[in-house]
Amino acid sequence: MFEIIPNWHPIFVHFTVSTLSLSSIFFVLSYIMRSHPQNSNIRKFAEWNLWIGSVFTILTVIAGWIAYNSVAHDTPSHEAMTVHRNWALATAGVFIVLALWLAYKIRKHHKINISFIFIIVIAFGMLGTTAWRGGEAVYRYGLGVMSLPAVENGAEGHAHEHAGQSSHADGNEVVKMPMDLNSSANEMPHNNQSDNHANHKH
């Protein structure tokens, strides 16, 4: 059966980051290039990306919230994903407010002013921080990862050749260490946490 691990959050988040990044960049360009003949097209591109990105943001936050309350984790990874969650909620709120503000400006025939540009630049920075925090949660703490590679015999690395070469420089093999996303000896979901991790709050 088709399975998304841990859920749809990693899929939605790519659309959120890409559309909101494009929107932020092109809003700045449209403001700088106010006298350019193609300015209206640049602004329209920025507007549509902001609206589309806001829709994906809602989906991303919902899926992320489900992942936050279901993936197996320990105390350090819980702290990492909590920081990511807090940044994500704040960033999502700012961009959704910007989308509503933009709709109001268009309805009232108001121009995009420096205040709007200033806030969307700040939001862009928040988006980058949120994305980085999410990457840290996965690649540094292994959240949502089903298996991790382990090197035998305590070796530090696994060198190998590509392009049809099958030899391995260090003579060691990489093995997969299975991890249950819902339960583990060292990692527990929110609804069944270990004694040392039972008192944290969300």
C-alpha atoms as a PDB file:
ATOM      1  CA  MET A   1       0.000   0.000   0.000  1.00  0.00           C
ATOM      2  CA  PHE A   2       1.188   3.525  -0.811  1.00  0.00           C
ATOM      3  CA  GLU A   3       2.641   5.105   2.323  1.00  0.00           C
ATOM      4  CA  ILE A   4       3.901   8.598   3.120  1.00  0.00           C
ATOM      5  CA  ILE A   5       6.506   8.668   5.911  1.00  0.00           C
ATOM      6  CA  PRO A   6       5.833  10.127   8.417  1.00  0.00           C
ATOM      7  CA  ASN A   7       2.915  11.906   6.689  1.00  0.00           C
ATOM      8  CA  TRP A   8       2.259  14.561   4.010  1.00  0.00           C
ATOM      9  CA  HIS A   9       4.160  17.300   5.859  1.00  0.00           C
ATOM     10  CA  PRO A  10       7.483  16.808   3.980  1.00  0.00           C
ATOM     11  CA  ILE A  11       5.597  17.045   0.670  1.00  0.00           C
ATOM     12  CA  PHE A  12       3.499  20.116   1.432  1.00  0.00           C
ATOM     13  CA  VAL A  13       6.413  21.994   2.986  1.00  0.00           C
ATOM     14  CA  HIS A  14       8.348  22.091  -0.291  1.00  0.00           C
ATOM     15  CA  PHE A  15       5.480  23.880  -2.041  1.00  0.00           C
ATOM     16  CA  THR A  16       5.127  26.265   0.890  1.00  0.00           C
ATOM     17  CA  VAL A  17       8.804  27.219   0.961  1.00  0.00           C
ATOM     18  CA  SER A  18       9.125  27.561  -2.822  1.00  0.00           C
ATOM     19  CA  THR A  19       5.979  29.643  -3.438  1.00  0.00           C
ATOM     20  CA  LEU A  20       6.453  31.956  -0.457  1.00  0.00           C
ATOM     21  CA  SER A  21      10.133  32.440  -1.307  1.00  0.00           C
ATOM     22  CA  LEU A  22       9.275  33.362  -4.889  1.00  0.00           C
ATOM     23  CA  SER A  23       6.563  35.700  -3.677  1.00  0.00           C
ATOM     24  CA  SER A  24       8.903  37.503  -1.286  1.00  0.00           C
ATOM     25  CA  ILE A  25      11.643  37.892  -3.883  1.00  0.00           C
ATOM     26  CA  PHE A  26       9.321  39.122  -6.626  1.00  0.00           C
ATOM     27  CA  PHE A  27       7.509  41.562  -4.345  1.00  0.00           C
ATOM     28  CA  VAL A  28      10.861  43.164  -3.594  1.00  0.00           C
ATOM     29  CA  LEU A  29      11.691  43.214  -7.316  1.00  0.00           C
ATOM     30  CA  SER A  30       8.334  44.754  -8.176  1.00  0.00           C
ATOM     31  CA  TYR A  31       8.916  47.507  -5.644  1.00  0.00           C
ATOM     32  CA  ILE A  32      12.450  48.206  -6.894  1.00  0.00           C
ATOM     33  CA  MET A  33      11.370  48.078 -10.550  1.00  0.00           C
ATOM     34  CA  ARG A  34       8.254  50.219 -10.162  1.00  0.00           C
ATOM     35  CA  SER A  35       8.879  52.024 -13.456  1.00  0.00           C
ATOM     36  CA  HIS A  36       9.689  48.879 -15.448  1.00  0.00           C
ATOM     37  CA  PRO A  37       7.247  48.034 -18.277  1.00  0.00           C
ATOM     38  CA  GLN A  38       6.848  44.492 -16.922  1.00  0.00           C
ATOM     39  CA  ASN A  39       6.254  45.601 -13.346  1.00  0.00           C
ATOM     40  CA  SER A  40       2.581  44.623 -13.350  1.00  0.00           C
ATOM     41  CA  ASN A  41       3.455  41.077 -14.457  1.00  0.00           C
ATOM     42  CA  ILE A  42       6.158  40.808 -11.792  1.00  0.00           C
ATOM     43  CA  ARG A  43       3.703  41.954  -9.140  1.00  0.00           C
ATOM     44  CA  LYS A  44       0.986  39.549 -10.337  1.00  0.00           C
ATOM     45  CA  PHE A  45       3.464  36.676 -10.154  1.00  0.00           C
ATOM     46  CA  ALA A  46       4.326  37.668  -6.596  1.00  0.00           C
ATOM     47  CA  GLU A  47       0.651  37.999  -5.631  1.00  0.00           C
ATOM     48  CA  TRP A  48      -0.368  34.583  -6.946  1.00  0.00           C
ATOM     49  CA  ASN A  49       2.588  32.896  -5.289  1.00  0.00           C
ATOM     50  CA  LEU A  50       1.634  34.491  -1.975  1.00  0.00           C
ATOM     51  CA  TRP A  51      -1.944  33.266  -2.217  1.00  0.00           C
ATOM     52  CA  ILE A  52      -1.016  29.781  -3.400  1.00  0.00           C
ATOM     53  CA  GLY A  53       1.715  29.606  -0.782  1.00  0.00           C
ATOM     54  CA  SER A  54      -0.736  30.602   1.945  1.00  0.00           C
ATOM     55  CA  VAL A  55      -3.039  27.714   1.006  1.00  0.00           C
ATOM     56  CA  PHE A  56      -0.129  25.278   1.094  1.00  0.00           C
ATOM     57  CA  THR A  57       0.960  26.829   4.390  1.00  0.00           C
ATOM     58  CA  ILE A  58      -2.336  25.840   6.002  1.00  0.00           C
ATOM     59  CA  LEU A  59      -1.967  22.268   4.706  1.00  0.00           C
ATOM     60  CA  THR A  60       1.662  22.176   5.829  1.00  0.00           C
ATOM     61  CA  VAL A  61       0.824  23.369   9.339  1.00  0.00           C
ATOM     62  CA  ILE A  62      -1.975  20.800   9.703  1.00  0.00           C
ATOM     63  CA  ALA A  63       0.247  17.940   8.533  1.00  0.00           C
ATOM     64  CA  GLY A  64       3.119  19.238  10.642  1.00  0.00           C
ATOM     65  CA  TRP A  65       0.947  19.379  13.749  1.00  0.00           C
ATOM     66  CA  ILE A  66      -0.108  15.759  13.192  1.00  0.00           C
ATOM     67  CA  ALA A  67       3.544  14.746  12.732  1.00  0.00           C
ATOM     68  CA  TYR A  68       4.550  16.684  15.851  1.00  0.00           C
ATOM     69  CA  ASN A  69       2.072  14.703  17.931  1.00  0.00           C
ATOM     70  CA  SER A  70       2.774  11.285  16.407  1.00  0.00           C
ATOM     71  CA  VAL A  71       6.448  10.765  15.481  1.00  0.00           C
ATOM     72  CA  ALA A  72       8.701   8.890  17.899  1.00  0.00           C
ATOM     73  CA  HIS A  73      11.179  11.105  19.700  1.00  0.00           C
ATOM     74  CA  ASP A  74      13.327  11.579  22.776  1.00  0.00           C
ATOM     75  CA  THR A  75      13.955  14.677  24.892  1.00  0.00           C
ATOM     76  CA  PRO A  76      16.584  16.389  22.664  1.00  0.00           C
ATOM     77  CA  SER A  77      14.560  15.773  19.489  1.00  0.00           C
ATOM     78  CA  HIS A  78      11.398  16.947  21.229  1.00  0.00           C
ATOM     79  CA  GLU A  79      13.075  20.250  22.028  1.00  0.00           C
ATOM     80  CA  ALA A  80      14.270  20.558  18.413  1.00  0.00           C
ATOM     81  CA  MET A  81      10.855  19.914  16.895  1.00  0.00           C
ATOM     82  CA  THR A  82       9.191  22.237  19.410  1.00  0.00           C
ATOM     83  CA  VAL A  83      11.460  25.081  18.317  1.00  0.00           C
ATOM     84  CA  HIS A  84      10.662  24.227  14.688  1.00  0.00           C
ATOM     85  CA  ARG A  85       6.933  24.179  15.482  1.00  0.00           C
ATOM     86  CA  ASN A  86       7.054  27.577  17.169  1.00  0.00           C
ATOM     87  CA  TRP A  87       8.921  29.155  14.265  1.00  0.00           C
ATOM     88  CA  ALA A  88       6.547  27.508  11.794  1.00  0.00           C
ATOM     89  CA  LEU A  89       3.401  28.788  13.519  1.00  0.00           C
ATOM     90  CA  ALA A  90       4.769  32.325  13.746  1.00  0.00           C
ATOM     91  CA  THR A  91       5.925  32.312  10.128  1.00  0.00           C
ATOM     92  CA  ALA A  92       2.639  30.882   8.883  1.00  0.00           C
ATOM     93  CA  GLY A  93       0.725  33.543  10.784  1.00  0.00           C
ATOM     94  CA  VAL A  94       2.758  36.378   9.271  1.00  0.00           C
ATOM     95  CA  PHE A  95       2.363  35.120   5.704  1.00  0.00           C
ATOM     96  CA  ILE A  96      -1.369  34.511   6.073  1.00  0.00           C
ATOM     97  CA  VAL A  97      -1.804  38.039   7.443  1.00  0.00           C
ATOM     98  CA  LEU A  98       0.209  39.347   4.486  1.00  0.00           C
ATOM     99  CA  ALA A  99      -2.058  37.445   2.074  1.00  0.00           C
ATOM    100  CA  LEU A 100      -5.157  38.962   3.690  1.00  0.00           C
ATOM    101  CA  TRP A 101      -3.544  42.404   3.706  1.00  0.00           C
ATOM    102  CA  LEU A 102      -2.745  42.037   0.015  1.00  0.00           C
ATOM    103  CA  ALA A 103      -6.344  41.092  -0.767  1.00  0.00           C
ATOM    104  CA  TYR A 104      -7.517  44.179   1.131  1.00  0.00           C
ATOM    105  CA  LYS A 105      -5.073  46.422  -0.752  1.00  0.00           C
ATOM    106  CA  ILE A 106      -6.242  45.081  -4.113  1.00  0.00           C
ATOM    107  CA  ARG A 107      -9.893  45.488  -3.145  1.00  0.00           C
ATOM    108  CA  LYS A 108      -9.285  49.102  -2.063  1.00  0.00           C
ATOM    109  CA  HIS A 109      -6.941  49.786  -5.007  1.00  0.00           C
ATOM    110  CA  HIS A 110      -4.068  50.595  -2.678  1.00  0.00           C
ATOM    111  CA  LYS A 111      -0.488  50.315  -3.850  1.00  0.00           C
ATOM    112  CA  ILE A 112       2.097  48.061  -2.266  1.00  0.00           C
ATOM    113  CA  ASN A 113       4.023  50.312   0.108  1.00  0.00           C
ATOM    114  CA  ILE A 114       7.361  50.037   1.886  1.00  0.00           C
ATOM    115  CA  SER A 115       5.684  48.696   5.049  1.00  0.00           C
ATOM    116  CA  PHE A 116       4.372  45.668   3.165  1.00  0.00           C
ATOM    117  CA  ILE A 117       7.793  45.064   1.589  1.00  0.00           C
ATOM    118  CA  PHE A 118       9.545  45.398   4.935  1.00  0.00           C
ATOM    119  CA  ILE A 119       7.258  42.847   6.598  1.00  0.00           C
ATOM    120  CA  ILE A 120       7.480  40.345   3.761  1.00  0.00           C
ATOM    121  CA  VAL A 121      11.296  40.539   3.893  1.00  0.00           C
ATOM    122  CA  ILE A 122      11.143  39.757   7.614  1.00  0.00           C
ATOM    123  CA  ALA A 123       8.720  36.915   6.881  1.00  0.00           C
ATOM    124  CA  PHE A 124      11.134  35.583   4.262  1.00  0.00           C
ATOM    125  CA  GLY A 125      13.869  35.476   6.896  1.00  0.00           C
ATOM    126  CA  MET A 126      11.516  33.681   9.276  1.00  0.00           C
ATOM    127  CA  LEU A 127      10.692  31.186   6.526  1.00  0.00           C
ATOM    128  CA  GLY A 128      14.370  30.400   6.033  1.00  0.00           C
ATOM    129  CA  THR A 129      14.875  29.939   9.766  1.00  0.00           C
ATOM    130  CA  THR A 130      11.851  27.653   9.984  1.00  0.00           C
ATOM    131  CA  ALA A 131      13.100  25.538   7.084  1.00  0.00           C
ATOM    132  CA  TRP A 132      16.551  25.290   8.650  1.00  0.00           C
ATOM    133  CA  ARG A 133      15.053  24.240  11.978  1.00  0.00           C
ATOM    134  CA  GLY A 134      13.018  21.570  10.204  1.00  0.00           C
ATOM    135  CA  GLY A 135      16.124  20.254   8.492  1.00  0.00           C
ATOM    136  CA  GLU A 136      17.910  20.140  11.845  1.00  0.00           C
ATOM    137  CA  ALA A 137      15.041  18.125  13.345  1.00  0.00           C
ATOM    138  CA  VAL A 138      15.326  15.506  10.598  1.00  0.00           C
ATOM    139  CA  TYR A 139      19.033  15.339   9.762  1.00  0.00           C
ATOM    140  CA  ARG A 140      20.504  16.035  13.189  1.00  0.00           C
ATOM    141  CA  TYR A 141      17.895  14.360  15.399  1.00  0.00           C
ATOM    142  CA  GLY A 142      16.404  11.773  13.011  1.00  0.00           C
ATOM    143  CA  LEU A 143      12.762  12.764  13.501  1.00  0.00           C
ATOM    144  CA  GLY A 144      10.439  10.876  11.188  1.00  0.00           C
ATOM    145  CA  VAL A 145      13.269   8.665   9.905  1.00  0.00           C
ATOM    146  CA  MET A 146      12.449   4.969   9.672  1.00  0.00           C
ATOM    147  CA  SER A 147      16.027   3.688   9.390  1.00  0.00           C
ATOM    148  CA  LEU A 148      19.529   5.061   9.817  1.00  0.00           C
ATOM    149  CA  PRO A 149      22.759   3.796   8.200  1.00  0.00           C
ATOM    150  CA  ALA A 150      25.347   2.358  10.577  1.00  0.00           C
ATOM    151  CA  VAL A 151      28.980   1.506   9.777  1.00  0.00           C
ATOM    152  CA  GLU A 152      30.284  -1.857  10.961  1.00  0.00           C
ATOM    153  CA  ASN A 153      33.385  -2.348  13.114  1.00  0.00           C
ATOM    154  CA  GLY A 154      33.267   1.208  14.409  1.00  0.00           C
ATOM    155  CA  ALA A 155      34.537   2.646  11.124  1.00  0.00           C
ATOM    156  CA  GLU A 156      34.022   6.353  10.624  1.00  0.00           C
ATOM    157  CA  GLY A 157      32.880   6.319   7.033  1.00  0.00           C
ATOM    158  CA  HIS A 158      31.838   4.286   4.027  1.00  0.00           C
ATOM    159  CA  ALA A 159      33.802   5.161   0.907  1.00  0.00           C
ATOM    160  CA  HIS A 160      32.702   3.667  -2.393  1.00  0.00           C
ATOM    161  CA  GLU A 161      32.984   4.250  -6.108  1.00  0.00           C
ATOM    162  CA  HIS A 162      30.167   5.126  -8.493  1.00  0.00           C
ATOM    163  CA  ALA A 163      29.764   4.753 -12.272  1.00  0.00           C
ATOM    164  CA  GLY A 164      29.476   0.984 -12.244  1.00  0.00           C
ATOM    165  CA  GLN A 165      32.274   0.381  -9.705  1.00  0.00           C
ATOM    166  CA  SER A 166      31.370  -2.058  -6.955  1.00  0.00           C
ATOM    167  CA  SER A 167      34.509  -1.948  -4.798  1.00  0.00           C
ATOM    168  CA  HIS A 168      34.460  -0.215  -1.420  1.00  0.00           C
ATOM    169  CA  ALA A 169      37.555   1.573  -0.233  1.00  0.00           C
ATOM    170  CA  ASP A 170      37.209   0.806   3.445  1.00  0.00           C
ATOM    171  CA  GLY A 171      36.050  -2.800   3.165  1.00  0.00           C
ATOM    172  CA  ASN A 172      33.100  -2.158   5.436  1.00  0.00           C
ATOM    173  CA  GLU A 173      29.413  -2.463   4.716  1.00  0.00           C
ATOM    174  CA  VAL A 174      26.640  -0.082   5.576  1.00  0.00           C
ATOM    175  CA  VAL A 175      23.755  -1.730   7.324  1.00  0.00           C
ATOM    176  CA  LYS A 176      20.312  -0.361   8.044  1.00  0.00           C
ATOM    177  CA  MET A 177      19.155   0.011  11.625  1.00  0.00           C
ATOM    178  CA  PRO A 178      15.361  -0.332  11.609  1.00  0.00           C
ATOM    179  CA  MET A 179      13.409   2.171  13.641  1.00  0.00           C
ATOM    180  CA  ASP A 180       9.712   2.073  14.313  1.00  0.00           C
ATOM    181  CA  LEU A 181       8.238   5.519  13.724  1.00  0.00           C
ATOM    182  CA  ASN A 182       5.553   4.892  16.296  1.00  0.00           C
ATOM    183  CA  SER A 183       7.576   3.250  19.042  1.00  0.00           C
ATOM    184  CA  SER A 184      11.158   2.518  19.966  1.00  0.00           C
ATOM    185  CA  ALA A 185      13.238   1.546  22.971  1.00  0.00           C
ATOM    186  CA  ASN A 186      14.753   5.022  23.123  1.00  0.00           C
ATOM    187  CA  GLU A 187      12.126   7.107  21.378  1.00  0.00           C
ATOM    188  CA  MET A 188       8.533   7.446  22.428  1.00  0.00           C
ATOM    189  CA  PRO A 189       5.558   9.207  20.816  1.00  0.00           C
ATOM    190  CA  HIS A 190       3.748  11.983  22.649  1.00  0.00           C
ATOM    191  CA  ASN A 191       0.983   9.709  23.868  1.00  0.00           C
ATOM    192  CA  ASN A 192       3.380   7.147  25.428  1.00  0.00           C
ATOM    193  CA  GLN A 193       6.502   8.869  26.652  1.00  0.00           C
ATOM    194  CA  SER A 194       9.257   7.585  28.885  1.00  0.00           C
ATOM    195  CA  ASP A 195       9.536   8.591  32.557  1.00  0.00           C
ATOM    196  CA  ASN A 196      12.310  11.086  31.840  1.00  0.00           C
ATOM    197  CA  HIS A 197      10.278  12.692  29.092  1.00  0.00           C
ATOM    198  CA  ALA A 198       6.789  12.530  30.534  1.00  0.00           C
ATOM    199  CA  ASN A 199       6.644  15.985  32.067  1.00  0.00           C
ATOM    200  CA  HIS A 200       7.322  18.185  29.072  1.00  0.00           C
ATOM    201  CA  LYS A 201       4.621  20.494  27.799  1.00  0.00           C
ATOM    202  CA  HIS A 202       3.709  21.565  24.270  1.00  0.00           C
END
